[in-house]
N, C-alpha and C. Protein backbone atom coordinates (compact mmCIF):
# COMPACT_ATOMS: atom_id res chain seq x y z
N MET A 1 -3.84 -0.86 14.27
CA MET A 1 -2.45 -1.74 14.38
C MET A 1 -1.57 -1.02 15.44
N ALA A 2 -1.61 0.25 14.93
CA ALA A 2 -0.67 0.86 16.15
C ALA A 2 -0.96 0.42 17.36
N SER A 3 -2.46 1.02 17.80
CA SER A 3 -2.58 0.39 19.33
C SER A 3 -2.16 -0.98 19.94
N ARG A 4 -2.20 -1.93 18.68
CA ARG A 4 -1.57 -3.59 19.04
C ARG A 4 -0.36 -3.54 19.36
N PHE A 5 0.41 -2.60 18.48
CA PHE A 5 1.70 -2.62 19.18
C PHE A 5 1.86 -1.82 20.37
N ASN A 6 1.37 -1.18 20.73
CA ASN A 6 1.72 0.17 21.99
C ASN A 6 1.61 -0.93 22.74
N GLN A 7 0.98 -2.24 22.84
CA GLN A 7 1.11 -3.18 24.22
C GLN A 7 1.87 -3.82 24.21
N THR A 8 2.65 -3.80 23.39
CA THR A 8 4.15 -4.65 23.33
C THR A 8 5.38 -3.96 23.57
N ALA A 9 5.14 -2.58 22.48
CA ALA A 9 6.20 -1.44 22.28
C ALA A 9 5.69 -0.22 22.53
N PRO A 10 5.59 0.04 23.71
CA PRO A 10 4.94 1.78 23.64
C PRO A 10 5.48 2.64 22.73
N GLN A 11 6.50 2.65 22.53
CA GLN A 11 7.41 3.40 21.75
C GLN A 11 7.20 3.34 20.62
N SER A 12 6.56 2.22 19.97
CA SER A 12 6.34 2.06 18.35
C SER A 12 5.14 3.15 17.88
N ASN A 13 4.67 3.60 18.47
CA ASN A 13 3.59 4.77 18.19
C ASN A 13 4.24 6.09 17.68
N TRP A 14 5.26 6.04 18.49
CA TRP A 14 6.28 7.43 18.02
C TRP A 14 6.72 6.95 16.93
N VAL A 15 7.47 5.76 16.31
CA VAL A 15 7.90 5.65 14.95
C VAL A 15 6.75 5.75 14.01
N VAL A 16 5.83 5.14 14.24
CA VAL A 16 4.32 5.73 13.07
C VAL A 16 4.33 7.02 12.90
N THR A 17 4.05 7.61 14.24
CA THR A 17 3.52 8.74 13.99
C THR A 17 4.74 9.83 13.28
N ALA A 18 6.02 9.59 13.86
CA ALA A 18 7.06 10.53 13.23
C ALA A 18 7.63 10.37 11.52
N LEU A 19 7.69 8.85 11.19
CA LEU A 19 7.79 8.58 10.16
C LEU A 19 6.74 8.78 8.97
N PHE A 20 5.47 8.48 9.14
CA PHE A 20 4.25 8.24 8.49
C PHE A 20 3.50 9.66 8.75
N GLY A 21 3.60 10.18 9.97
CA GLY A 21 2.39 11.14 10.17
C GLY A 21 3.01 12.33 9.41
N GLY A 22 4.07 12.66 9.53
CA GLY A 22 4.30 13.93 8.55
C GLY A 22 4.77 13.64 7.01
N THR A 23 4.92 12.65 6.88
CA THR A 23 4.98 12.15 5.47
C THR A 23 4.02 12.63 4.45
N TYR A 24 2.79 12.15 5.35
CA TYR A 24 1.54 12.12 4.77
C TYR A 24 1.00 13.61 4.48
N GLN A 25 1.56 14.48 5.15
CA GLN A 25 1.40 16.25 5.62
C GLN A 25 1.91 16.91 4.45
N ARG A 26 2.88 16.24 3.96
CA ARG A 26 3.76 17.01 3.00
C ARG A 26 2.95 17.35 1.87
N ASP A 27 3.29 18.96 0.98
CA ASP A 27 2.64 18.96 -0.06
C ASP A 27 3.59 18.45 -1.16
N GLY A 28 3.23 18.41 -2.30
CA GLY A 28 3.92 17.76 -3.47
C GLY A 28 3.00 16.58 -3.93
N LEU A 29 2.64 15.73 -3.13
CA LEU A 29 1.72 14.70 -3.67
C LEU A 29 0.42 14.48 -3.12
N SER A 30 -0.81 14.42 -3.74
CA SER A 30 -2.02 14.29 -3.18
C SER A 30 -1.61 12.91 -2.83
N LEU A 31 -2.71 12.63 -1.35
CA LEU A 31 -3.21 11.07 -0.76
C LEU A 31 -3.06 10.46 -2.16
N ARG A 32 -3.97 10.39 -3.24
CA ARG A 32 -4.05 9.35 -4.07
C ARG A 32 -2.75 8.95 -4.81
N ASP A 33 -2.21 9.97 -5.04
CA ASP A 33 -0.28 10.00 -5.57
C ASP A 33 0.00 8.70 -4.83
N ARG A 34 0.12 9.30 -3.32
CA ARG A 34 1.07 8.55 -2.64
C ARG A 34 0.79 6.97 -2.34
N GLN A 35 -0.66 6.85 -2.58
CA GLN A 35 -0.77 5.22 -2.36
C GLN A 35 -0.65 4.51 -3.47
N LEU A 36 -0.26 5.61 -5.02
CA LEU A 36 0.09 4.90 -6.08
C LEU A 36 1.63 4.29 -5.62
N VAL A 37 2.51 5.33 -5.22
CA VAL A 37 3.86 5.16 -4.97
C VAL A 37 4.00 3.78 -4.04
N ASN A 38 3.00 3.80 -2.79
CA ASN A 38 2.95 3.24 -1.64
C ASN A 38 2.82 1.64 -2.64
N LEU A 39 2.24 1.35 -3.48
CA LEU A 39 1.50 0.24 -3.85
C LEU A 39 2.80 -0.54 -4.59
N ALA A 40 3.63 0.31 -5.54
CA ALA A 40 4.73 -0.10 -6.06
C ALA A 40 5.94 0.10 -5.00
N ALA A 41 6.20 0.70 -4.29
CA ALA A 41 7.41 0.39 -3.11
C ALA A 41 6.88 -1.03 -2.38
N LEU A 42 5.93 -1.19 -2.06
CA LEU A 42 5.68 -2.44 -1.21
C LEU A 42 5.80 -3.94 -2.19
N THR A 43 4.91 -3.55 -3.37
CA THR A 43 5.50 -4.67 -4.30
C THR A 43 6.65 -5.43 -4.60
N ALA A 44 7.50 -3.60 -4.82
CA ALA A 44 8.87 -4.27 -4.82
C ALA A 44 9.48 -4.89 -3.85
N VAL A 45 9.46 -4.45 -2.80
CA VAL A 45 10.03 -4.96 -1.51
C VAL A 45 9.66 -6.65 -1.30
N GLY A 46 8.45 -6.61 -1.45
CA GLY A 46 7.89 -8.48 -1.74
C GLY A 46 7.52 -8.32 -0.18
N GLY A 47 7.21 -9.74 0.22
CA GLY A 47 6.98 -10.23 1.66
C GLY A 47 6.19 -9.44 2.38
N VAL A 48 5.20 -8.26 1.54
CA VAL A 48 4.68 -7.49 2.80
C VAL A 48 2.92 -7.50 2.40
N ASP A 49 2.52 -8.76 2.44
CA ASP A 49 1.57 -8.77 2.00
C ASP A 49 0.12 -7.86 2.64
N PRO A 50 0.28 -8.13 4.66
CA PRO A 50 -0.66 -7.43 4.98
C PRO A 50 -0.66 -5.79 4.53
N GLN A 51 0.31 -5.18 4.67
CA GLN A 51 0.52 -3.92 4.50
C GLN A 51 -0.09 -3.61 2.72
N LEU A 52 0.21 -4.26 2.16
CA LEU A 52 -0.17 -4.42 0.43
C LEU A 52 -1.74 -3.98 0.53
N ARG A 53 -2.36 -5.17 1.79
CA ARG A 53 -3.53 -5.26 1.53
C ARG A 53 -4.35 -4.10 2.05
N GLY A 54 -3.52 -3.52 3.26
CA GLY A 54 -3.99 -2.21 3.57
C GLY A 54 -4.06 -0.59 2.70
N HIS A 55 -3.09 -0.90 1.92
CA HIS A 55 -3.15 0.66 0.86
C HIS A 55 -3.75 0.03 -0.26
N VAL A 56 -4.11 -0.85 -0.63
CA VAL A 56 -5.21 -0.89 -2.05
C VAL A 56 -6.60 -0.88 -1.26
N LEU A 57 -6.42 -0.94 -0.08
CA LEU A 57 -8.06 -0.53 0.53
C LEU A 57 -8.09 1.12 0.47
N THR A 58 -6.83 1.47 1.16
CA THR A 58 -6.57 3.02 1.14
C THR A 58 -6.44 3.69 -0.24
N GLY A 59 -6.09 3.29 -1.12
CA GLY A 59 -6.44 3.71 -2.66
C GLY A 59 -7.48 3.77 -3.10
N LEU A 60 -8.19 3.07 -2.93
CA LEU A 60 -9.75 2.80 -2.99
C LEU A 60 -10.66 4.25 -2.41
N ARG A 61 -9.95 4.03 -1.02
CA ARG A 61 -10.81 5.66 -0.36
C ARG A 61 -10.47 6.63 -0.69
N VAL A 62 -9.02 6.81 -1.65
CA VAL A 62 -8.53 7.97 -1.87
C VAL A 62 -8.49 8.31 -3.25
N GLY A 63 -10.06 7.28 -4.16
CA GLY A 63 -10.01 7.62 -5.48
C GLY A 63 -9.56 6.93 -6.42
N LEU A 64 -8.54 5.64 -6.00
CA LEU A 64 -8.24 5.13 -7.23
C LEU A 64 -9.15 4.39 -7.92
N THR A 65 -9.18 4.02 -8.65
CA THR A 65 -10.02 2.96 -9.54
C THR A 65 -9.40 1.60 -9.53
N ARG A 66 -10.30 0.66 -9.60
CA ARG A 66 -9.82 -0.81 -9.94
C ARG A 66 -8.75 -1.00 -10.98
N THR A 67 -9.44 -0.67 -11.85
CA THR A 67 -8.40 -0.45 -13.13
C THR A 67 -6.79 0.13 -12.88
N GLU A 68 -6.67 1.55 -12.14
CA GLU A 68 -5.64 1.91 -12.30
C GLU A 68 -5.06 1.03 -10.94
N ILE A 69 -5.34 0.77 -10.11
CA ILE A 69 -4.31 -0.20 -8.94
C ILE A 69 -4.01 -1.32 -9.89
N ALA A 70 -4.79 -2.63 -10.41
CA ALA A 70 -3.99 -3.33 -11.34
C ALA A 70 -2.95 -2.72 -12.45
N GLU A 71 -3.32 -1.78 -12.72
CA GLU A 71 -2.19 -1.07 -13.68
C GLU A 71 -0.74 -0.85 -13.13
N VAL A 72 -1.23 -0.65 -11.98
CA VAL A 72 0.18 -0.15 -11.05
C VAL A 72 1.23 -1.88 -11.28
N PHE A 73 0.83 -2.89 -11.11
CA PHE A 73 1.31 -4.28 -11.26
C PHE A 73 1.58 -4.55 -12.47
N VAL A 74 0.72 -4.42 -13.50
CA VAL A 74 1.14 -4.77 -14.99
C VAL A 74 2.30 -3.37 -14.85
N HIS A 75 2.70 -2.25 -14.89
CA HIS A 75 3.59 -1.35 -15.01
C HIS A 75 4.79 -1.94 -14.72
N LEU A 76 4.70 -2.48 -12.89
CA LEU A 76 6.07 -2.77 -12.33
C LEU A 76 6.71 -3.95 -13.03
N ALA A 77 5.94 -4.44 -13.85
CA ALA A 77 6.81 -5.69 -13.94
C ALA A 77 8.16 -5.86 -14.77
N PRO A 78 8.34 -4.80 -15.46
CA PRO A 78 9.66 -5.07 -16.38
C PRO A 78 10.61 -4.58 -15.35
N TYR A 79 10.28 -3.82 -14.22
CA TYR A 79 11.37 -3.28 -13.30
C TYR A 79 11.19 -3.87 -12.12
N ILE A 80 10.69 -4.43 -11.90
CA ILE A 80 11.07 -5.27 -10.50
C ILE A 80 10.86 -6.81 -10.65
N GLY A 81 10.07 -7.15 -11.81
CA GLY A 81 10.19 -8.60 -12.69
C GLY A 81 9.05 -9.17 -12.24
N VAL A 82 8.48 -9.83 -13.38
CA VAL A 82 6.99 -10.87 -13.34
C VAL A 82 6.72 -11.35 -12.00
N PRO A 83 7.59 -12.21 -11.66
CA PRO A 83 6.92 -12.84 -10.14
C PRO A 83 6.48 -11.96 -9.03
N LYS A 84 7.25 -10.50 -8.84
CA LYS A 84 6.46 -9.85 -7.81
C LYS A 84 5.64 -9.06 -8.11
N ALA A 85 5.34 -8.97 -9.34
CA ALA A 85 4.46 -7.61 -9.81
C ALA A 85 3.09 -8.91 -10.12
N LEU A 86 3.33 -10.12 -10.43
CA LEU A 86 2.04 -10.95 -10.07
C LEU A 86 1.78 -11.26 -8.66
N ALA A 87 2.81 -11.54 -7.82
CA ALA A 87 2.54 -11.32 -6.11
C ALA A 87 1.67 -10.45 -5.93
N GLY A 88 1.89 -9.14 -5.89
CA GLY A 88 1.31 -8.17 -5.86
C GLY A 88 -0.14 -7.87 -6.64
N LEU A 89 -0.28 -8.35 -7.81
CA LEU A 89 -1.64 -8.30 -8.69
C LEU A 89 -2.61 -9.59 -7.65
N ARG A 90 -1.86 -10.28 -7.14
CA ARG A 90 -2.58 -11.32 -6.53
C ARG A 90 -3.59 -10.87 -5.06
N VAL A 91 -2.79 -10.30 -4.39
CA VAL A 91 -3.05 -9.54 -3.16
C VAL A 91 -3.97 -8.61 -3.06
N ALA A 92 -3.53 -7.99 -4.32
CA ALA A 92 -4.56 -6.77 -4.87
C ALA A 92 -5.77 -7.17 -5.23
N THR A 93 -6.00 -8.34 -6.20
CA THR A 93 -7.06 -9.06 -6.81
C THR A 93 -8.18 -9.30 -5.81
N ALA A 94 -7.40 -10.27 -4.68
CA ALA A 94 -8.18 -10.79 -3.27
C ALA A 94 -8.63 -9.48 -2.89
N VAL A 95 -8.26 -8.69 -2.66
CA VAL A 95 -8.50 -7.07 -1.82
C VAL A 95 -9.94 -6.41 -2.45
N LEU A 96 -9.62 -6.43 -3.90
CA LEU A 96 -10.46 -5.63 -4.86
C LEU A 96 -11.64 -6.68 -4.94
N ASP A 97 -11.55 -7.88 -5.29
CA ASP A 97 -13.20 -8.97 -5.16
C ASP A 97 -13.91 -8.71 -3.95
N GLY A 98 -13.15 -8.77 -2.96
CA GLY A 98 -13.64 -8.65 -1.62
C GLY A 98 -14.32 -7.29 -1.24
N ALA A 99 -14.03 -6.45 -1.90
CA ALA A 99 -14.46 -4.87 -1.61
C ALA A 99 -15.59 -4.44 -2.38
N GLU A 100 -15.54 -5.61 -3.39
CA GLU A 100 -16.94 -5.62 -3.92
C GLU A 100 -17.86 -6.15 -3.75
N ARG A 101 -17.73 -6.95 -2.71
CA ARG A 101 -19.00 -7.64 -1.84
C ARG A 101 -19.64 -7.14 -1.11
């Protein structure tokens, strides 16, 4: 994705590297835990389905189970509202169903 943006905005590589590169290298949270946080944050923001899809797949790659991913959205419902939680669950379900094929 970053390379696609580089064609239009070469400075975008700096933004991605500066903001996310260092963040993922920090101590304190495992990559698995970071993906749980990402799923929650993106769902709370709403309207970022492409990013949420990517983080569901990354969650699987770092060891999250389908049940754990689904539980994120169930847990979020009383905090961010049922509509946003269900929208996130809808995206995650589509990704997870596709990943099983």
